Amino acid sequence: MQRMVLVMQPSAAQSAALDAMVEAQRNPASPYFHRWLTPEQVGEYFGASPVDTQRIVGWLQNHGMRIDEVAASKRTITFSGTASQVERTFATRMRRYRINGKLHVANADDPSIPSALSPVVAGLLSLPNFPLPGILSTTGKPVAPMSV
């Protein structure tokens, strides 16, 4: 299973500060008006701490997962592993489903995160390998689904 995404949970203070920054960036009277942040700046001010990031990365690696990327924003970790590793890591059952003649893999029940990590983990994206629906371009023609 390739390119699964773990989303990290910002603290309440980080969420409030980010909301305030976004409002300031939208306010023409603000010194921050249209002063956009880089992904690295988002990570520095609003992302998971290095300690929390390393705890999550270490936990995933200890379960055999390969870390593909820690986003510069420090808000997501992209990782890969086998279905059996996913089952053991997230205490879920992965099953095969045939939909419209195509075989897909998806979790049969909700994944679980250890309670010690739950304050810093918001959730998981893309455990199932169902393709995202096509996106329409401005000409109305379907384009390839985005990869997550």
Protein backbone atom coordinates (compact mmCIF):
# COMPACT_ATOMS: atom_id res chain seq x y z
CA MET A 1 0.00 0.00 0.00
CA GLN A 2 1.62 3.16 -1.22
CA ARG A 3 1.47 6.79 -0.16
CA MET A 4 -0.85 6.64 2.83
CA VAL A 5 -1.09 9.93 4.71
CA LEU A 6 -1.15 10.47 8.46
CA VAL A 7 -2.49 13.93 9.35
CA MET A 8 -1.07 15.54 12.46
CA GLN A 9 -3.30 17.46 14.86
CA PRO A 10 -2.23 21.00 15.70
CA SER A 11 -2.70 22.20 19.25
CA ALA A 12 -5.62 24.48 20.06
CA ALA A 13 -3.19 27.40 20.37
CA GLN A 14 -1.67 26.61 16.95
CA SER A 15 -5.12 26.38 15.36
CA ALA A 16 -6.15 29.72 16.86
CA ALA A 17 -2.88 31.35 15.77
CA LEU A 18 -3.25 29.99 12.24
CA ASP A 19 -6.84 31.25 12.03
CA ALA A 20 -5.65 34.68 13.19
CA MET A 21 -2.84 34.67 10.61
CA VAL A 22 -5.24 33.76 7.79
CA GLU A 23 -7.57 36.57 8.83
CA ALA A 24 -4.65 39.01 8.96
CA GLN A 25 -3.54 37.93 5.48
CA ARG A 26 -7.03 38.72 4.19
CA ASN A 27 -7.31 42.11 5.91
CA PRO A 28 -6.04 45.02 3.75
CA ALA A 29 -5.32 47.04 6.92
CA SER A 30 -3.05 44.34 8.34
CA PRO A 31 0.73 44.41 7.98
CA TYR A 32 0.37 40.70 7.05
CA PHE A 33 -2.03 41.41 4.16
CA HIS A 34 -1.12 39.06 1.30
CA ARG A 35 2.15 38.07 3.00
CA TRP A 36 1.89 34.34 2.36
CA LEU A 37 3.83 31.79 4.34
CA THR A 38 6.06 29.13 2.85
CA PRO A 39 5.37 25.52 3.80
CA GLU A 40 8.47 25.67 6.01
CA GLN A 41 7.09 28.72 7.85
CA VAL A 42 3.76 26.97 8.34
CA GLY A 43 5.70 24.04 9.81
CA GLU A 44 7.76 26.27 12.07
CA TYR A 45 4.78 28.14 13.52
CA PHE A 46 1.82 25.79 13.14
CA GLY A 47 3.19 22.28 12.53
CA ALA A 48 3.89 19.40 14.85
CA SER A 49 6.91 19.73 17.11
CA PRO A 50 10.10 17.89 16.11
CA VAL A 51 9.65 15.64 19.16
CA ASP A 52 6.07 14.71 18.21
CA THR A 53 7.03 14.24 14.57
CA GLN A 54 9.89 11.92 15.53
CA ARG A 55 7.63 9.94 17.89
CA ILE A 56 5.14 9.33 15.08
CA VAL A 57 7.84 8.55 12.49
CA GLY A 58 9.52 6.16 14.93
CA TRP A 59 6.22 4.42 15.70
CA LEU A 60 5.48 3.94 12.00
CA GLN A 61 9.00 2.68 11.30
CA ASN A 62 8.88 0.31 14.28
CA HIS A 63 5.86 -1.28 12.59
CA GLY A 64 7.77 -1.72 9.34
CA MET A 65 6.38 1.29 7.49
CA ARG A 66 8.58 3.20 5.07
CA ILE A 67 8.47 6.98 5.53
CA ASP A 68 8.07 8.57 2.10
CA GLU A 69 7.85 12.19 3.24
CA VAL A 70 7.36 14.44 6.22
CA ALA A 71 5.73 17.51 4.71
CA ALA A 72 7.58 20.80 5.06
CA SER A 73 4.46 22.10 6.83
CA LYS A 74 4.95 19.38 9.47
CA ARG A 75 1.26 18.61 9.25
CA THR A 76 1.34 15.32 7.32
CA ILE A 77 3.52 12.22 7.06
CA THR A 78 3.30 10.14 3.91
CA PHE A 79 4.24 6.48 4.37
CA SER A 80 3.99 3.10 2.66
CA GLY A 81 3.74 -0.50 3.82
CA THR A 82 2.00 -3.79 3.25
CA ALA A 83 -1.62 -4.51 4.10
CA SER A 84 -0.53 -6.77 6.96
CA GLN A 85 1.67 -3.98 8.36
CA VAL A 86 -1.29 -1.61 8.19
CA GLU A 87 -3.45 -4.16 10.02
CA ARG A 88 -0.89 -4.54 12.83
CA THR A 89 -0.04 -0.84 13.06
CA PHE A 90 -3.60 0.49 13.10
CA ALA A 91 -5.45 -2.49 14.64
CA THR A 92 -7.74 -2.77 11.64
CA ARG A 93 -8.61 -5.44 9.09
CA MET A 94 -7.74 -4.80 5.46
CA ARG A 95 -10.00 -6.53 2.94
CA ARG A 96 -10.22 -6.85 -0.82
CA TYR A 97 -13.31 -5.48 -2.51
CA ARG A 98 -14.34 -5.91 -6.12
CA ILE A 99 -16.11 -2.81 -7.40
CA ASN A 100 -17.10 -2.41 -11.03
CA GLY A 101 -14.86 -5.33 -11.88
CA LYS A 102 -11.76 -3.82 -10.25
CA LEU A 103 -10.07 -5.15 -7.14
CA HIS A 104 -9.47 -2.61 -4.33
CA VAL A 105 -8.07 -2.82 -0.80
CA ALA A 106 -9.69 -0.97 2.11
CA ASN A 107 -9.95 -1.15 5.86
CA ALA A 108 -13.00 -3.07 7.05
CA ASP A 109 -13.21 -1.21 10.35
CA ASP A 110 -11.94 2.04 11.82
CA PRO A 111 -8.18 2.30 12.30
CA SER A 112 -6.83 2.88 15.79
CA ILE A 113 -3.99 5.09 17.00
CA PRO A 114 -2.24 4.47 20.35
CA SER A 115 -3.60 6.78 23.04
CA ALA A 116 -0.12 8.24 23.62
CA LEU A 117 -0.14 9.56 20.04
CA SER A 118 -3.81 10.48 19.73
CA PRO A 119 -3.36 14.11 20.89
CA VAL A 120 -1.05 14.76 17.91
CA VAL A 121 -2.72 12.60 15.24
CA ALA A 122 -5.85 13.96 13.54
CA GLY A 123 -6.38 10.91 11.35
CA LEU A 124 -5.43 8.92 8.30
CA LEU A 125 -6.06 9.57 4.63
CA SER A 126 -5.96 7.08 1.80
CA LEU A 127 -5.92 3.76 3.65
CA PRO A 128 -8.28 2.46 0.98
CA ASN A 129 -6.80 2.40 -2.50
CA PHE A 130 -9.99 3.54 -4.21
CA PRO A 131 -9.08 6.11 -6.85
CA LEU A 132 -10.24 9.65 -6.31
CA PRO A 133 -13.00 10.71 -8.69
CA GLY A 134 -11.87 12.50 -11.83
CA ILE A 135 -11.70 16.25 -11.70
CA LEU A 136 -13.30 18.35 -14.41
CA SER A 137 -11.14 20.93 -16.11
CA THR A 138 -12.50 24.33 -17.09
CA THR A 139 -13.36 22.86 -20.51
CA GLY A 140 -15.56 20.25 -18.83
CA LYS A 141 -13.32 17.36 -19.88
CA PRO A 142 -12.27 14.90 -17.17
CA VAL A 143 -8.62 14.96 -16.19
CA ALA A 144 -6.64 12.30 -14.37
CA PRO A 145 -7.42 11.88 -10.65
CA MET A 146 -5.05 13.65 -8.29
CA SER A 147 -2.57 11.44 -6.50
CA VAL A 148 -2.57 11.82 -2.75
